[in-house]
Amino acid sequence: ARCLAAAAFDRLGVHRLFARLDTENTGSVRVCE
């Protein structure tokens, strides 16, 4: 996710990146954090 986020910002010109995830998906919560 960090690698893809860097490409989104640096190569695709993304300004705001967001993730939607189930509140019970604690693994993905930790990734976001």
PDB file of all heavy atoms in Angstrom:
ATOM      1  N   ALA A   1       0.829  -1.206   0.000  1.00  0.00           N
ATOM      2  CA  ALA A   1       0.000   0.000   0.000  1.00  0.00           C
ATOM      3  C   ALA A   1       0.864   1.256   0.000  1.00  0.00           C
ATOM      4  O   ALA A   1       0.555   2.232  -0.691  1.00  0.00           O
ATOM      5  CB  ALA A   1      -0.947  -0.007   1.193  1.00  0.00           C
ATOM      6  N   ARG A   2       1.953   1.249   0.749  1.00  0.00           N
ATOM      7  CA  ARG A   2       2.860   2.411   0.783  1.00  0.00           C
ATOM      8  C   ARG A   2       3.472   2.648  -0.604  1.00  0.00           C
ATOM      9  O   ARG A   2       3.562   3.784  -1.073  1.00  0.00           O
ATOM     10  CB  ARG A   2       3.949   2.188   1.826  1.00  0.00           C
ATOM     11  CG  ARG A   2       4.857   3.401   1.993  1.00  0.00           C
ATOM     12  CD  ARG A   2       5.806   3.245   3.169  1.00  0.00           C
ATOM     13  NE  ARG A   2       5.057   3.468   4.392  1.00  0.00           N
ATOM     14  CZ  ARG A   2       5.013   2.628   5.423  1.00  0.00           C
ATOM     15  NH1 ARG A   2       5.700   1.507   5.399  1.00  0.00           N
ATOM     16  NH2 ARG A   2       4.310   2.905   6.499  1.00  0.00           N
ATOM     17  N   CYS A   3       3.861   1.577  -1.274  1.00  0.00           N
ATOM     18  CA  CYS A   3       4.435   1.684  -2.614  1.00  0.00           C
ATOM     19  C   CYS A   3       3.408   2.238  -3.603  1.00  0.00           C
ATOM     20  O   CYS A   3       3.709   3.130  -4.403  1.00  0.00           O
ATOM     21  CB  CYS A   3       4.934   0.306  -3.048  1.00  0.00           C
ATOM     22  SG  CYS A   3       5.713   0.256  -4.665  1.00  0.00           S
ATOM     23  N   LEU A   4       2.185   1.730  -3.551  1.00  0.00           N
ATOM     24  CA  LEU A   4       1.142   2.206  -4.460  1.00  0.00           C
ATOM     25  C   LEU A   4       0.750   3.641  -4.143  1.00  0.00           C
ATOM     26  O   LEU A   4       0.524   4.447  -5.057  1.00  0.00           O
ATOM     27  CB  LEU A   4      -0.080   1.284  -4.401  1.00  0.00           C
ATOM     28  CG  LEU A   4      -1.183   1.592  -5.414  1.00  0.00           C
ATOM     29  CD1 LEU A   4      -0.672   1.514  -6.856  1.00  0.00           C
ATOM     30  CD2 LEU A   4      -2.356   0.633  -5.213  1.00  0.00           C
ATOM     31  N   ALA A   5       0.693   3.997  -2.865  1.00  0.00           N
ATOM     32  CA  ALA A   5       0.371   5.378  -2.479  1.00  0.00           C
ATOM     33  C   ALA A   5       1.426   6.342  -3.016  1.00  0.00           C
ATOM     34  O   ALA A   5       1.090   7.411  -3.544  1.00  0.00           O
ATOM     35  CB  ALA A   5       0.260   5.488  -0.958  1.00  0.00           C
ATOM     36  N   ALA A   6       2.689   5.976  -2.913  1.00  0.00           N
ATOM     37  CA  ALA A   6       3.759   6.837  -3.437  1.00  0.00           C
ATOM     38  C   ALA A   6       3.601   7.034  -4.940  1.00  0.00           C
ATOM     39  O   ALA A   6       3.753   8.155  -5.452  1.00  0.00           O
ATOM     40  CB  ALA A   6       5.125   6.231  -3.110  1.00  0.00           C
ATOM     41  N   ALA A   7       3.276   5.975  -5.668  1.00  0.00           N
ATOM     42  CA  ALA A   7       3.062   6.096  -7.111  1.00  0.00           C
ATOM     43  C   ALA A   7       1.842   6.961  -7.407  1.00  0.00           C
ATOM     44  O   ALA A   7       1.849   7.763  -8.352  1.00  0.00           O
ATOM     45  CB  ALA A   7       2.890   4.707  -7.736  1.00  0.00           C
ATOM     46  N   ALA A   8       0.795   6.824  -6.600  1.00  0.00           N
ATOM     47  CA  ALA A   8      -0.416   7.636  -6.795  1.00  0.00           C
ATOM     48  C   ALA A   8      -0.087   9.120  -6.669  1.00  0.00           C
ATOM     49  O   ALA A   8      -0.498   9.936  -7.505  1.00  0.00           O
ATOM     50  CB  ALA A   8      -1.490   7.237  -5.789  1.00  0.00           C
ATOM     51  N   PHE A   9       0.650   9.476  -5.642  1.00  0.00           N
ATOM     52  CA  PHE A   9       0.980  10.881  -5.415  1.00  0.00           C
ATOM     53  C   PHE A   9       2.034  11.392  -6.390  1.00  0.00           C
ATOM     54  O   PHE A   9       1.866  12.453  -6.999  1.00  0.00           O
ATOM     55  CB  PHE A   9       1.488  11.082  -3.983  1.00  0.00           C
ATOM     56  CG  PHE A   9       0.436  10.876  -2.931  1.00  0.00           C
ATOM     57  CD1 PHE A   9       0.712  10.130  -1.806  1.00  0.00           C
ATOM     58  CD2 PHE A   9      -0.831  11.428  -3.056  1.00  0.00           C
ATOM     59  CE1 PHE A   9      -0.245   9.941  -0.818  1.00  0.00           C
ATOM     60  CE2 PHE A   9      -1.799  11.252  -2.074  1.00  0.00           C
ATOM     61  CZ  PHE A   9      -1.502  10.497  -0.952  1.00  0.00           C
ATOM     62  N   ASP A  10       3.111  10.642  -6.564  1.00  0.00           N
ATOM     63  CA  ASP A  10       4.256  11.131  -7.318  1.00  0.00           C
ATOM     64  C   ASP A  10       4.126  10.977  -8.828  1.00  0.00           C
ATOM     65  O   ASP A  10       4.678  11.764  -9.581  1.00  0.00           O
ATOM     66  CB  ASP A  10       5.536  10.428  -6.851  1.00  0.00           C
ATOM     67  CG  ASP A  10       5.836  10.702  -5.385  1.00  0.00           C
ATOM     68  OD1 ASP A  10       5.360  11.736  -4.853  1.00  0.00           O
ATOM     69  OD2 ASP A  10       6.524   9.876  -4.753  1.00  0.00           O
ATOM     70  N   ARG A  11       3.391   9.944  -9.283  1.00  0.00           N
ATOM     71  CA  ARG A  11       3.331   9.683 -10.717  1.00  0.00           C
ATOM     72  C   ARG A  11       1.971   9.972 -11.332  1.00  0.00           C
ATOM     73  O   ARG A  11       1.881  10.239 -12.523  1.00  0.00           O
ATOM     74  CB  ARG A  11       3.734   8.237 -10.980  1.00  0.00           C
ATOM     75  CG  ARG A  11       5.208   8.023 -10.591  1.00  0.00           C
ATOM     76  CD  ARG A  11       5.551   6.579 -10.388  1.00  0.00           C
ATOM     77  NE  ARG A  11       5.806   5.899 -11.624  1.00  0.00           N
ATOM     78  CZ  ARG A  11       6.256   4.657 -11.714  1.00  0.00           C
ATOM     79  NH1 ARG A  11       6.510   3.977 -10.611  1.00  0.00           N
ATOM     80  NH2 ARG A  11       6.445   4.091 -12.865  1.00  0.00           N
ATOM     81  N   LEU A  12       0.921   9.897 -10.518  1.00  0.00           N
ATOM     82  CA  LEU A  12      -0.420  10.109 -11.055  1.00  0.00           C
ATOM     83  C   LEU A  12      -1.031  11.435 -10.617  1.00  0.00           C
ATOM     84  O   LEU A  12      -2.133  11.769 -11.032  1.00  0.00           O
ATOM     85  CB  LEU A  12      -1.346   8.953 -10.655  1.00  0.00           C
ATOM     86  CG  LEU A  12      -0.997   7.614 -11.292  1.00  0.00           C
ATOM     87  CD1 LEU A  12      -1.860   6.504 -10.715  1.00  0.00           C
ATOM     88  CD2 LEU A  12      -1.146   7.683 -12.804  1.00  0.00           C
ATOM     89  N   GLY A  13      -0.352  12.162  -9.760  1.00  0.00           N
ATOM     90  CA  GLY A  13      -0.838  13.470  -9.348  1.00  0.00           C
ATOM     91  C   GLY A  13      -2.037  13.449  -8.417  1.00  0.00           C
ATOM     92  O   GLY A  13      -2.788  14.423  -8.330  1.00  0.00           O
ATOM     93  N   VAL A  14      -2.223  12.353  -7.682  1.00  0.00           N
ATOM     94  CA  VAL A  14      -3.323  12.281  -6.730  1.00  0.00           C
ATOM     95  C   VAL A  14      -3.064  13.291  -5.606  1.00  0.00           C
ATOM     96  O   VAL A  14      -1.942  13.435  -5.123  1.00  0.00           O
ATOM     97  CB  VAL A  14      -3.464  10.840  -6.175  1.00  0.00           C
ATOM     98  CG1 VAL A  14      -4.410  10.787  -4.988  1.00  0.00           C
ATOM     99  CG2 VAL A  14      -3.927   9.898  -7.282  1.00  0.00           C
ATOM    100  N   HIS A  15      -4.122  13.990  -5.216  1.00  0.00           N
ATOM    101  CA  HIS A  15      -4.050  14.971  -4.125  1.00  0.00           C
ATOM    102  C   HIS A  15      -4.505  14.353  -2.796  1.00  0.00           C
ATOM    103  O   HIS A  15      -3.904  14.599  -1.760  1.00  0.00           O
ATOM    104  CB  HIS A  15      -4.932  16.179  -4.457  1.00  0.00           C
ATOM    105  CG  HIS A  15      -5.094  17.128  -3.322  1.00  0.00           C
ATOM    106  ND1 HIS A  15      -4.060  17.908  -2.855  1.00  0.00           N
ATOM    107  CD2 HIS A  15      -6.170  17.405  -2.538  1.00  0.00           C
ATOM    108  CE1 HIS A  15      -4.491  18.632  -1.840  1.00  0.00           C
ATOM    109  NE2 HIS A  15      -5.765  18.354  -1.622  1.00  0.00           N
ATOM    110  N   ARG A  16      -5.587  13.553  -2.841  1.00  0.00           N
ATOM    111  CA  ARG A  16      -6.147  12.946  -1.630  1.00  0.00           C
ATOM    112  C   ARG A  16      -6.388  11.461  -1.897  1.00  0.00           C
ATOM    113  O   ARG A  16      -7.049  11.096  -2.859  1.00  0.00           O
ATOM    114  CB  ARG A  16      -7.464  13.621  -1.258  1.00  0.00           C
ATOM    115  CG  ARG A  16      -8.127  13.032  -0.022  1.00  0.00           C
ATOM    116  CD  ARG A  16      -9.417  13.805   0.335  1.00  0.00           C
ATOM    117  NE  ARG A  16     -10.103  13.191   1.449  1.00  0.00           N
ATOM    118  CZ  ARG A  16     -10.991  12.198   1.327  1.00  0.00           C
ATOM    119  NH1 ARG A  16     -11.331  11.737   0.146  1.00  0.00           N
ATOM    120  NH2 ARG A  16     -11.566  11.688   2.395  1.00  0.00           N
ATOM    121  N   LEU A  17      -5.845  10.645  -1.015  1.00  0.00           N
ATOM    122  CA  LEU A  17      -5.979   9.194  -1.111  1.00  0.00           C
ATOM    123  C   LEU A  17      -6.829   8.742   0.073  1.00  0.00           C
ATOM    124  O   LEU A  17      -6.590   9.159   1.206  1.00  0.00           O
ATOM    125  CB  LEU A  17      -4.588   8.556  -1.041  1.00  0.00           C
ATOM    126  CG  LEU A  17      -4.464   7.082  -1.339  1.00  0.00           C
ATOM    127  CD1 LEU A  17      -4.838   6.798  -2.791  1.00  0.00           C
ATOM    128  CD2 LEU A  17      -3.038   6.623  -1.072  1.00  0.00           C
ATOM    129  N   PHE A  18      -7.822   7.898  -0.198  1.00  0.00           N
ATOM    130  CA  PHE A  18      -8.654   7.418   0.901  1.00  0.00           C
ATOM    131  C   PHE A  18      -8.864   5.913   0.800  1.00  0.00           C
ATOM    132  O   PHE A  18      -8.695   5.308  -0.262  1.00  0.00           O
ATOM    133  CB  PHE A  18      -9.999   8.164   0.961  1.00  0.00           C
ATOM    134  CG  PHE A  18     -10.919   7.893  -0.190  1.00  0.00           C
ATOM    135  CD1 PHE A  18     -11.883   6.890  -0.113  1.00  0.00           C
ATOM    136  CD2 PHE A  18     -10.839   8.640  -1.356  1.00  0.00           C
ATOM    137  CE1 PHE A  18     -12.739   6.643  -1.177  1.00  0.00           C
ATOM    138  CE2 PHE A  18     -11.699   8.408  -2.420  1.00  0.00           C
ATOM    139  CZ  PHE A  18     -12.650   7.402  -2.333  1.00  0.00           C
ATOM    140  N   ALA A  19      -9.220   5.329   1.934  1.00  0.00           N
ATOM    141  CA  ALA A  19      -9.526   3.897   2.019  1.00  0.00           C
ATOM    142  C   ALA A  19     -10.821   3.751   2.802  1.00  0.00           C
ATOM    143  O   ALA A  19     -11.009   4.415   3.825  1.00  0.00           O
ATOM    144  CB  ALA A  19      -8.399   3.143   2.729  1.00  0.00           C
ATOM    145  N   ARG A  20     -11.695   2.890   2.304  1.00  0.00           N
ATOM    146  CA  ARG A  20     -12.934   2.542   3.007  1.00  0.00           C
ATOM    147  C   ARG A  20     -12.809   1.102   3.462  1.00  0.00           C
ATOM    148  O   ARG A  20     -12.460   0.232   2.664  1.00  0.00           O
ATOM    149  CB  ARG A  20     -14.137   2.682   2.071  1.00  0.00           C
ATOM    150  CG  ARG A  20     -14.424   4.091   1.671  1.00  0.00           C
ATOM    151  CD  ARG A  20     -15.592   4.174   0.727  1.00  0.00           C
ATOM    152  NE  ARG A  20     -16.540   3.093   0.973  1.00  0.00           N
ATOM    153  CZ  ARG A  20     -17.526   2.765   0.165  1.00  0.00           C
ATOM    154  NH1 ARG A  20     -17.721   3.418  -0.936  1.00  0.00           N
ATOM    155  NH2 ARG A  20     -18.334   1.770   0.450  1.00  0.00           N
ATOM    156  N   LEU A  21     -13.072   0.846   4.738  1.00  0.00           N
ATOM    157  CA  LEU A  21     -12.909  -0.511   5.231  1.00  0.00           C
ATOM    158  C   LEU A  21     -13.909  -0.832   6.323  1.00  0.00           C
ATOM    159  O   LEU A  21     -14.370   0.055   7.040  1.00  0.00           O
ATOM    160  CB  LEU A  21     -11.482  -0.730   5.744  1.00  0.00           C
ATOM    161  CG  LEU A  21     -10.905   0.352   6.630  1.00  0.00           C
ATOM    162  CD1 LEU A  21     -10.357  -0.239   7.888  1.00  0.00           C
ATOM    163  CD2 LEU A  21      -9.804   1.037   5.849  1.00  0.00           C
ATOM    164  N   ASP A  22     -14.248  -2.091   6.411  1.00  0.00           N
ATOM    165  CA  ASP A  22     -15.141  -2.578   7.442  1.00  0.00           C
ATOM    166  C   ASP A  22     -14.521  -2.298   8.807  1.00  0.00           C
ATOM    167  O   ASP A  22     -13.322  -2.522   9.006  1.00  0.00           O
ATOM    168  CB  ASP A  22     -15.360  -4.089   7.243  1.00  0.00           C
ATOM    169  CG  ASP A  22     -16.432  -4.647   8.131  1.00  0.00           C
ATOM    170  OD1 ASP A  22     -16.219  -4.692   9.364  1.00  0.00           O
ATOM    171  OD2 ASP A  22     -17.484  -5.047   7.609  1.00  0.00           O
ATOM    172  N   THR A  23     -15.325  -1.820   9.745  1.00  0.00           N
ATOM    173  CA  THR A  23     -14.798  -1.472  11.063  1.00  0.00           C
ATOM    174  C   THR A  23     -14.224  -2.678  11.805  1.00  0.00           C
ATOM    175  O   THR A  23     -13.392  -2.515  12.693  1.00  0.00           O
ATOM    176  CB  THR A  23     -15.882  -0.811  11.941  1.00  0.00           C
ATOM    177  OG1 THR A  23     -16.986  -1.704  12.077  1.00  0.00           O
ATOM    178  CG2 THR A  23     -16.343   0.504  11.339  1.00  0.00           C
ATOM    179  N   GLU A  24     -14.668  -3.873  11.430  1.00  0.00           N
ATOM    180  CA  GLU A  24     -14.159  -5.080  12.095  1.00  0.00           C
ATOM    181  C   GLU A  24     -12.861  -5.595  11.464  1.00  0.00           C
ATOM    182  O   GLU A  24     -12.256  -6.532  11.976  1.00  0.00           O
ATOM    183  CB  GLU A  24     -15.229  -6.168  12.072  1.00  0.00           C
ATOM    184  CG  GLU A  24     -16.460  -5.796  12.886  1.00  0.00           C
ATOM    185  CD  GLU A  24     -17.557  -6.834  12.814  1.00  0.00           C
ATOM    186  OE1 GLU A  24     -17.333  -7.932  12.258  1.00  0.00           O
ATOM    187  OE2 GLU A  24     -18.649  -6.543  13.331  1.00  0.00           O
ATOM    188  N   ASN A  25     -12.438  -4.974  10.382  1.00  0.00           N
ATOM    189  CA  ASN A  25     -11.220  -5.394   9.691  1.00  0.00           C
ATOM    190  C   ASN A  25     -10.018  -4.714  10.352  1.00  0.00           C
ATOM    191  O   ASN A  25      -9.453  -3.752   9.835  1.00  0.00           O
ATOM    192  CB  ASN A  25     -11.323  -5.045   8.201  1.00  0.00           C
ATOM    193  CG  ASN A  25     -10.192  -5.627   7.391  1.00  0.00           C
ATOM    194  OD1 ASN A  25      -9.192  -6.075   7.936  1.00  0.00           O
ATOM    195  ND2 ASN A  25     -10.346  -5.598   6.088  1.00  0.00           N
ATOM    196  N   THR A  26      -9.647  -5.230  11.512  1.00  0.00           N
ATOM    197  CA  THR A  26      -8.601  -4.588  12.313  1.00  0.00           C
ATOM    198  C   THR A  26      -7.240  -4.585  11.613  1.00  0.00           C
ATOM    199  O   THR A  26      -6.451  -3.665  11.807  1.00  0.00           O
ATOM    200  CB  THR A  26      -8.484  -5.254  13.699  1.00  0.00           C
ATOM    201  OG1 THR A  26      -8.234  -6.654  13.513  1.00  0.00           O
ATOM    202  CG2 THR A  26      -9.752  -5.048  14.505  1.00  0.00           C
ATOM    203  N   GLY A  27      -6.975  -5.586  10.788  1.00  0.00           N
ATOM    204  CA  GLY A  27      -5.710  -5.603  10.046  1.00  0.00           C
ATOM    205  C   GLY A  27      -5.613  -4.418   9.102  1.00  0.00           C
ATOM    206  O   GLY A  27      -4.574  -3.745   9.029  1.00  0.00           O
ATOM    207  N   SER A  28      -6.686  -4.110   8.388  1.00  0.00           N
ATOM    208  CA  SER A  28      -6.672  -2.965   7.467  1.00  0.00           C
ATOM    209  C   SER A  28      -6.671  -1.635   8.214  1.00  0.00           C
ATOM    210  O   SER A  28      -6.087  -0.660   7.748  1.00  0.00           O
ATOM    211  CB  SER A  28      -7.844  -3.040   6.491  1.00  0.00           C
ATOM    212  OG  SER A  28      -7.576  -4.015   5.500  1.00  0.00           O
ATOM    213  N   VAL A  29      -7.307  -1.587   9.378  1.00  0.00           N
ATOM    214  CA  VAL A  29      -7.230  -0.382  10.203  1.00  0.00           C
ATOM    215  C   VAL A  29      -5.761  -0.103  10.538  1.00  0.00           C
ATOM    216  O   VAL A  29      -5.279   1.027  10.407  1.00  0.00           O
ATOM    217  CB  VAL A  29      -8.078  -0.524  11.493  1.00  0.00           C
ATOM    218  CG1 VAL A  29      -7.745   0.564  12.504  1.00  0.00           C
ATOM    219  CG2 VAL A  29      -9.560  -0.510  11.156  1.00  0.00           C
ATOM    220  N   ARG A  30      -5.040  -1.147  10.945  1.00  0.00           N
ATOM    221  CA  ARG A  30      -3.616  -0.970  11.287  1.00  0.00           C
ATOM    222  C   ARG A  30      -2.793  -0.547  10.067  1.00  0.00           C
ATOM    223  O   ARG A  30      -1.879   0.267  10.192  1.00  0.00           O
ATOM    224  CB  ARG A  30      -3.061  -2.255  11.909  1.00  0.00           C
ATOM    225  CG  ARG A  30      -3.537  -2.463  13.343  1.00  0.00           C
ATOM    226  CD  ARG A  30      -2.766  -3.565  14.054  1.00  0.00           C
ATOM    227  NE  ARG A  30      -2.887  -4.858  13.408  1.00  0.00           N
ATOM    228  CZ  ARG A  30      -3.845  -5.746  13.648  1.00  0.00           C
ATOM    229  NH1 ARG A  30      -4.770  -5.490  14.531  1.00  0.00           N
ATOM    230  NH2 ARG A  30      -3.864  -6.901  13.019  1.00  0.00           N
ATOM    231  N   VAL A  31      -3.112  -1.083   8.882  1.00  0.00           N
ATOM    232  CA  VAL A  31      -2.390  -0.669   7.671  1.00  0.00           C
ATOM    233  C   VAL A  31      -2.592   0.830   7.445  1.00  0.00           C
ATOM    234  O   VAL A  31      -1.633   1.566   7.212  1.00  0.00           O
ATOM    235  CB  VAL A  31      -2.841  -1.482   6.433  1.00  0.00           C
ATOM    236  CG1 VAL A  31      -2.284  -0.879   5.151  1.00  0.00           C
ATOM    237  CG2 VAL A  31      -2.406  -2.934   6.566  1.00  0.00           C
ATOM    238  N   CYS A  32      -3.826   1.291   7.519  1.00  0.00           N
ATOM    239  CA  CYS A  32      -4.105   2.721   7.327  1.00  0.00           C
ATOM    240  C   CYS A  32      -3.323   3.570   8.320  1.00  0.00           C
ATOM    241  O   CYS A  32      -2.729   4.593   7.948  1.00  0.00           O
ATOM    242  CB  CYS A  32      -5.600   3.010   7.467  1.00  0.00           C
ATOM    243  SG  CYS A  32      -6.610   2.402   6.119  1.00  0.00           S
ATOM    244  N   GLU A  33      -3.318   3.160   9.559  1.00  0.00           N
ATOM    245  CA  GLU A  33      -2.612   3.927  10.587  1.00  0.00           C
ATOM    246  C   GLU A  33      -1.104   3.902  10.375  1.00  0.00           C
ATOM    247  O   GLU A  33      -0.431   4.918  10.546  1.00  0.00           O
ATOM    248  CB  GLU A  33      -3.012   3.422  11.973  1.00  0.00           C
ATOM    249  CG  GLU A  33      -4.472   3.776  12.261  1.00  0.00           C
ATOM    250  CD  GLU A  33      -5.045   3.141  13.510  1.00  0.00           C
ATOM    251  OE1 GLU A  33      -4.379   2.254  14.122  1.00  0.00           O
ATOM    252  OE2 GLU A  33      -6.186   3.506  13.870  1.00  0.00           O
TER     253      GLU A  33
END
